[in-house]
Amino acid sequence: MMEIVRSRRRAANDRGMSTAEYAIGTVAAAALAGVLYKLVTGTEVRTALLGIVRRALQLAG
């Protein structure tokens, strides 16, 4: 019985993220967004996406 109480206390102390974990998660998300932005706005990716859209429009119309 005491083991159940102890495990519940431990679980109650570990709920959610701390402020430091939120900060690290936010920085990681911002870094990933920056990398994706650079990737998508690059000329190679832009050219490939435009080619796909043009082919789709040619097939549709």
PDB file of N, CA and C in Angstrom:
ATOM      1  N   MET A   1       0.817  -1.195   0.000  1.00  0.00           N
ATOM      2  CA  MET A   1       0.000   0.000   0.000  1.00  0.00           C
ATOM      3  C   MET A   1       0.871   1.274   0.000  1.00  0.00           C
ATOM      4  N   MET A   2       1.913   1.253   0.790  1.00  0.00           N
ATOM      5  CA  MET A   2       2.795   2.421   0.859  1.00  0.00           C
ATOM      6  C   MET A   2       3.512   2.660  -0.473  1.00  0.00           C
ATOM      7  N   GLU A   3       3.799   1.578  -1.194  1.00  0.00           N
ATOM      8  CA  GLU A   3       4.472   1.716  -2.486  1.00  0.00           C
ATOM      9  C   GLU A   3       3.574   2.457  -3.481  1.00  0.00           C
ATOM     10  N   ILE A   4       2.297   2.216  -3.432  1.00  0.00           N
ATOM     11  CA  ILE A   4       1.351   2.909  -4.316  1.00  0.00           C
ATOM     12  C   ILE A   4       1.331   4.401  -3.997  1.00  0.00           C
ATOM     13  N   VAL A   5       1.312   4.729  -2.723  1.00  0.00           N
ATOM     14  CA  VAL A   5       1.299   6.134  -2.306  1.00  0.00           C
ATOM     15  C   VAL A   5       2.595   6.822  -2.758  1.00  0.00           C
ATOM     16  N   ARG A   6       3.733   6.161  -2.602  1.00  0.00           N
ATOM     17  CA  ARG A   6       5.008   6.742  -3.010  1.00  0.00           C
ATOM     18  C   ARG A   6       5.071   6.964  -4.518  1.00  0.00           C
ATOM     19  N   SER A   7       4.607   5.974  -5.278  1.00  0.00           N
ATOM     20  CA  SER A   7       4.658   6.127  -6.733  1.00  0.00           C
ATOM     21  C   SER A   7       3.733   7.241  -7.204  1.00  0.00           C
ATOM     22  N   ARG A   8       2.605   7.402  -6.526  1.00  0.00           N
ATOM     23  CA  ARG A   8       1.700   8.503  -6.912  1.00  0.00           C
ATOM     24  C   ARG A   8       2.304   9.863  -6.564  1.00  0.00           C
ATOM     25  N   ARG A   9       3.012   9.939  -5.465  1.00  0.00           N
ATOM     26  CA  ARG A   9       3.668  11.196  -5.109  1.00  0.00           C
ATOM     27  C   ARG A   9       4.738  11.554  -6.133  1.00  0.00           C
ATOM     28  N   ARG A  10       5.522  10.550  -6.550  1.00  0.00           N
ATOM     29  CA  ARG A  10       6.553  10.794  -7.561  1.00  0.00           C
ATOM     30  C   ARG A  10       5.918  11.258  -8.875  1.00  0.00           C
ATOM     31  N   ALA A  11       4.815  10.618  -9.257  1.00  0.00           N
ATOM     32  CA  ALA A  11       4.146  10.998 -10.500  1.00  0.00           C
ATOM     33  C   ALA A  11       3.580  12.407 -10.400  1.00  0.00           C
ATOM     34  N   ALA A  12       3.080  12.785  -9.244  1.00  0.00           N
ATOM     35  CA  ALA A  12       2.514  14.122  -9.067  1.00  0.00           C
ATOM     36  C   ALA A  12       3.592  15.196  -9.166  1.00  0.00           C
ATOM     37  N   ASN A  13       4.821  14.876  -8.769  1.00  0.00           N
ATOM     38  CA  ASN A  13       5.905  15.847  -8.823  1.00  0.00           C
ATOM     39  C   ASN A  13       6.450  16.028 -10.239  1.00  0.00           C
ATOM     40  N   ASP A  14       6.198  15.117 -11.147  1.00  0.00           N
ATOM     41  CA  ASP A  14       6.774  15.154 -12.488  1.00  0.00           C
ATOM     42  C   ASP A  14       5.753  15.519 -13.564  1.00  0.00           C
ATOM     43  N   ARG A  15       4.720  16.201 -13.208  1.00  0.00           N
ATOM     44  CA  ARG A  15       3.701  16.560 -14.200  1.00  0.00           C
ATOM     45  C   ARG A  15       4.125  17.797 -14.968  1.00  0.00           C
ATOM     46  N   GLY A  16       3.967  17.746 -16.301  1.00  0.00           N
ATOM     47  CA  GLY A  16       4.224  18.909 -17.138  1.00  0.00           C
ATOM     48  C   GLY A  16       5.700  19.222 -17.304  1.00  0.00           C
ATOM     49  N   MET A  17       5.949  20.272 -18.052  1.00  0.00           N
ATOM     50  CA  MET A  17       7.324  20.696 -18.316  1.00  0.00           C
ATOM     51  C   MET A  17       7.663  21.898 -17.441  1.00  0.00           C
ATOM     52  N   SER A  18       8.931  22.001 -17.122  1.00  0.00           N
ATOM     53  CA  SER A  18       9.392  23.163 -16.365  1.00  0.00           C
ATOM     54  C   SER A  18       9.651  24.321 -17.331  1.00  0.00           C
ATOM     55  N   THR A  19       9.931  25.473 -16.787  1.00  0.00           N
ATOM     56  CA  THR A  19      10.182  26.662 -17.601  1.00  0.00           C
ATOM     57  C   THR A  19      11.390  26.457 -18.504  1.00  0.00           C
ATOM     58  N   ALA A  20      12.430  25.819 -17.994  1.00  0.00           N
ATOM     59  CA  ALA A  20      13.625  25.574 -18.810  1.00  0.00           C
ATOM     60  C   ALA A  20      13.311  24.660 -19.986  1.00  0.00           C
ATOM     61  N   GLU A  21      12.477  23.653 -19.744  1.00  0.00           N
ATOM     62  CA  GLU A  21      12.103  22.751 -20.839  1.00  0.00           C
ATOM     63  C   GLU A  21      11.274  23.482 -21.897  1.00  0.00           C
ATOM     64  N   TYR A  22      10.390  24.377 -21.458  1.00  0.00           N
ATOM     65  CA  TYR A  22       9.636  25.187 -22.417  1.00  0.00           C
ATOM     66  C   TYR A  22      10.574  26.056 -23.241  1.00  0.00           C
ATOM     67  N   ALA A  23      11.561  26.653 -22.603  1.00  0.00           N
ATOM     68  CA  ALA A  23      12.502  27.522 -23.317  1.00  0.00           C
ATOM     69  C   ALA A  23      13.301  26.727 -24.351  1.00  0.00           C
ATOM     70  N   ILE A  24      13.779  25.556 -23.973  1.00  0.00           N
ATOM     71  CA  ILE A  24      14.536  24.725 -24.910  1.00  0.00           C
ATOM     72  C   ILE A  24      13.643  24.277 -26.059  1.00  0.00           C
ATOM     73  N   GLY A  25      12.419  23.891 -25.758  1.00  0.00           N
ATOM     74  CA  GLY A  25      11.480  23.492 -26.813  1.00  0.00           C
ATOM     75  C   GLY A  25      11.167  24.629 -27.771  1.00  0.00           C
ATOM     76  N   THR A  26      11.013  25.828 -27.236  1.00  0.00           N
ATOM     77  CA  THR A  26      10.729  26.998 -28.071  1.00  0.00           C
ATOM     78  C   THR A  26      11.907  27.331 -28.978  1.00  0.00           C
ATOM     79  N   VAL A  27      13.115  27.276 -28.431  1.00  0.00           N
ATOM     80  CA  VAL A  27      14.305  27.551 -29.241  1.00  0.00           C
ATOM     81  C   VAL A  27      14.466  26.496 -30.333  1.00  0.00           C
ATOM     82  N   ALA A  28      14.233  25.238 -29.990  1.00  0.00           N
ATOM     83  CA  ALA A  28      14.346  24.167 -30.985  1.00  0.00           C
ATOM     84  C   ALA A  28      13.307  24.339 -32.089  1.00  0.00           C
ATOM     85  N   ALA A  29      12.082  24.691 -31.729  1.00  0.00           N
ATOM     86  CA  ALA A  29      11.039  24.903 -32.733  1.00  0.00           C
ATOM     87  C   ALA A  29      11.375  26.085 -33.639  1.00  0.00           C
ATOM     88  N   ALA A  30      11.902  27.150 -33.067  1.00  0.00           N
ATOM     89  CA  ALA A  30      12.284  28.316 -33.871  1.00  0.00           C
ATOM     90  C   ALA A  30      13.431  27.970 -34.815  1.00  0.00           C
ATOM     91  N   ALA A  31      14.397  27.197 -34.336  1.00  0.00           N
ATOM     92  CA  ALA A  31      15.517  26.791 -35.191  1.00  0.00           C
ATOM     93  C   ALA A  31      15.031  25.919 -36.338  1.00  0.00           C
ATOM     94  N   LEU A  32      14.143  24.991 -36.059  1.00  0.00           N
ATOM     95  CA  LEU A  32      13.586  24.133 -37.103  1.00  0.00           C
ATOM     96  C   LEU A  32      12.802  24.959 -38.119  1.00  0.00           C
ATOM     97  N   ALA A  33      12.036  25.927 -37.646  1.00  0.00           N
ATOM     98  CA  ALA A  33      11.288  26.790 -38.555  1.00  0.00           C
ATOM     99  C   ALA A  33      12.234  27.589 -39.448  1.00  0.00           C
ATOM    100  N   GLY A  34      13.333  28.060 -38.890  1.00  0.00           N
ATOM    101  CA  GLY A  34      14.315  28.802 -39.683  1.00  0.00           C
ATOM    102  C   GLY A  34      14.946  27.934 -40.761  1.00  0.00           C
ATOM    103  N   VAL A  35      15.285  26.708 -40.411  1.00  0.00           N
ATOM    104  CA  VAL A  35      15.870  25.784 -41.395  1.00  0.00           C
ATOM    105  C   VAL A  35      14.865  25.473 -42.496  1.00  0.00           C
ATOM    106  N   LEU A  36      13.622  25.204 -42.124  1.00  0.00           N
ATOM    107  CA  LEU A  36      12.598  24.912 -43.133  1.00  0.00           C
ATOM    108  C   LEU A  36      12.346  26.112 -44.031  1.00  0.00           C
ATOM    109  N   TYR A  37      12.342  27.307 -43.455  1.00  0.00           N
ATOM    110  CA  TYR A  37      12.142  28.512 -44.262  1.00  0.00           C
ATOM    111  C   TYR A  37      13.251  28.670 -45.295  1.00  0.00           C
ATOM    112  N   LYS A  38      14.494  28.493 -44.849  1.00  0.00           N
ATOM    113  CA  LYS A  38      15.620  28.596 -45.782  1.00  0.00           C
ATOM    114  C   LYS A  38      15.538  27.529 -46.861  1.00  0.00           C
ATOM    115  N   LEU A  39      15.118  26.339 -46.483  1.00  0.00           N
ATOM    116  CA  LEU A  39      15.016  25.244 -47.438  1.00  0.00           C
ATOM    117  C   LEU A  39      13.945  25.526 -48.487  1.00  0.00           C
ATOM    118  N   VAL A  40      12.780  25.957 -48.046  1.00  0.00           N
ATOM    119  CA  VAL A  40      11.661  26.178 -48.961  1.00  0.00           C
ATOM    120  C   VAL A  40      11.876  27.398 -49.843  1.00  0.00           C
ATOM    121  N   THR A  41      12.562  28.419 -49.338  1.00  0.00           N
ATOM    122  CA  THR A  41      12.773  29.623 -50.146  1.00  0.00           C
ATOM    123  C   THR A  41      14.011  29.520 -51.034  1.00  0.00           C
ATOM    124  N   GLY A  42      14.707  28.400 -50.982  1.00  0.00           N
ATOM    125  CA  GLY A  42      15.860  28.204 -51.860  1.00  0.00           C
ATOM    126  C   GLY A  42      15.410  28.057 -53.309  1.00  0.00           C
ATOM    127  N   THR A  43      16.294  28.393 -54.236  1.00  0.00           N
ATOM    128  CA  THR A  43      15.922  28.386 -55.659  1.00  0.00           C
ATOM    129  C   THR A  43      15.613  26.982 -56.171  1.00  0.00           C
ATOM    130  N   GLU A  44      16.324  25.970 -55.693  1.00  0.00           N
ATOM    131  CA  GLU A  44      16.077  24.617 -56.173  1.00  0.00           C
ATOM    132  C   GLU A  44      14.693  24.141 -55.785  1.00  0.00           C
ATOM    133  N   VAL A  45      14.328  24.364 -54.548  1.00  0.00           N
ATOM    134  CA  VAL A  45      13.016  23.928 -54.069  1.00  0.00           C
ATOM    135  C   VAL A  45      11.915  24.741 -54.740  1.00  0.00           C
ATOM    136  N   ARG A  46      12.126  26.049 -54.872  1.00  0.00           N
ATOM    137  CA  ARG A  46      11.129  26.893 -55.527  1.00  0.00           C
ATOM    138  C   ARG A  46      10.904  26.446 -56.967  1.00  0.00           C
ATOM    139  N   THR A  47      11.981  26.144 -57.687  1.00  0.00           N
ATOM    140  CA  THR A  47      11.873  25.677 -59.066  1.00  0.00           C
ATOM    141  C   THR A  47      11.113  24.352 -59.140  1.00  0.00           C
ATOM    142  N   ALA A  48      11.428  23.437 -58.230  1.00  0.00           N
ATOM    143  CA  ALA A  48      10.743  22.146 -58.215  1.00  0.00           C
ATOM    144  C   ALA A  48       9.254  22.312 -57.926  1.00  0.00           C
ATOM    145  N   LEU A  49       8.925  23.149 -56.951  1.00  0.00           N
ATOM    146  CA  LEU A  49       7.507  23.361 -56.623  1.00  0.00           C
ATOM    147  C   LEU A  49       6.757  24.024 -57.772  1.00  0.00           C
ATOM    148  N   LEU A  50       7.368  24.997 -58.416  1.00  0.00           N
ATOM    149  CA  LEU A  50       6.720  25.641 -59.555  1.00  0.00           C
ATOM    150  C   LEU A  50       6.509  24.637 -60.693  1.00  0.00           C
ATOM    151  N   GLY A  51       7.476  23.751 -60.911  1.00  0.00           N
ATOM    152  CA  GLY A  51       7.320  22.721 -61.932  1.00  0.00           C
ATOM    153  C   GLY A  51       6.159  21.797 -61.639  1.00  0.00           C
ATOM    154  N   ILE A  52       6.011  21.421 -60.388  1.00  0.00           N
ATOM    155  CA  ILE A  52       4.895  20.551 -59.998  1.00  0.00           C
ATOM    156  C   ILE A  52       3.562  21.251 -60.215  1.00  0.00           C
ATOM    157  N   VAL A  53       3.484  22.519 -59.826  1.00  0.00           N
ATOM    158  CA  VAL A  53       2.234  23.274 -59.993  1.00  0.00           C
ATOM    159  C   VAL A  53       1.913  23.452 -61.471  1.00  0.00           C
ATOM    160  N   ARG A  54       2.917  23.769 -62.272  1.00  0.00           N
ATOM    161  CA  ARG A  54       2.677  23.947 -63.710  1.00  0.00           C
ATOM    162  C   ARG A  54       2.185  22.653 -64.356  1.00  0.00           C
ATOM    163  N   ARG A  55       2.805  21.524 -64.002  1.00  0.00           N
ATOM    164  CA  ARG A  55       2.342  20.240 -64.557  1.00  0.00           C
ATOM    165  C   ARG A  55       0.926  19.934 -64.137  1.00  0.00           C
ATOM    166  N   ALA A  56       0.605  20.210 -62.888  1.00  0.00           N
ATOM    167  CA  ALA A  56      -0.758  19.955 -62.403  1.00  0.00           C
ATOM    168  C   ALA A  56      -1.762  20.823 -63.138  1.00  0.00           C
ATOM    169  N   LEU A  57      -1.415  22.088 -63.369  1.00  0.00           N
ATOM    170  CA  LEU A  57      -2.331  22.970 -64.098  1.00  0.00           C
ATOM    171  C   LEU A  57      -2.474  22.556 -65.563  1.00  0.00           C
ATOM    172  N   GLN A  58      -1.399  22.064 -66.145  1.00  0.00           N
ATOM    173  CA  GLN A  58      -1.491  21.587 -67.546  1.00  0.00           C
ATOM    174  C   GLN A  58      -2.383  20.358 -67.645  1.00  0.00           C
ATOM    175  N   LEU A  59      -2.276  19.482 -66.678  1.00  0.00           N
ATOM    176  CA  LEU A  59      -3.125  18.282 -66.677  1.00  0.00           C
ATOM    177  C   LEU A  59      -4.576  18.608 -66.432  1.00  0.00           C
ATOM    178  N   ALA A  60      -4.833  19.627 -65.606  1.00  0.00           N
ATOM    179  CA  ALA A  60      -6.196  19.993 -65.273  1.00  0.00           C
ATOM    180  C   ALA A  60      -6.885  20.780 -66.373  1.00  0.00           C
ATOM    181  N   GLY A  61      -6.126  21.498 -67.155  1.00  0.00           N
ATOM    182  CA  GLY A  61      -6.794  22.375 -68.104  1.00  0.00           C
ATOM    183  C   GLY A  61      -6.216  22.263 -69.429  1.00  0.00           C
TER     184      GLY A  61
END
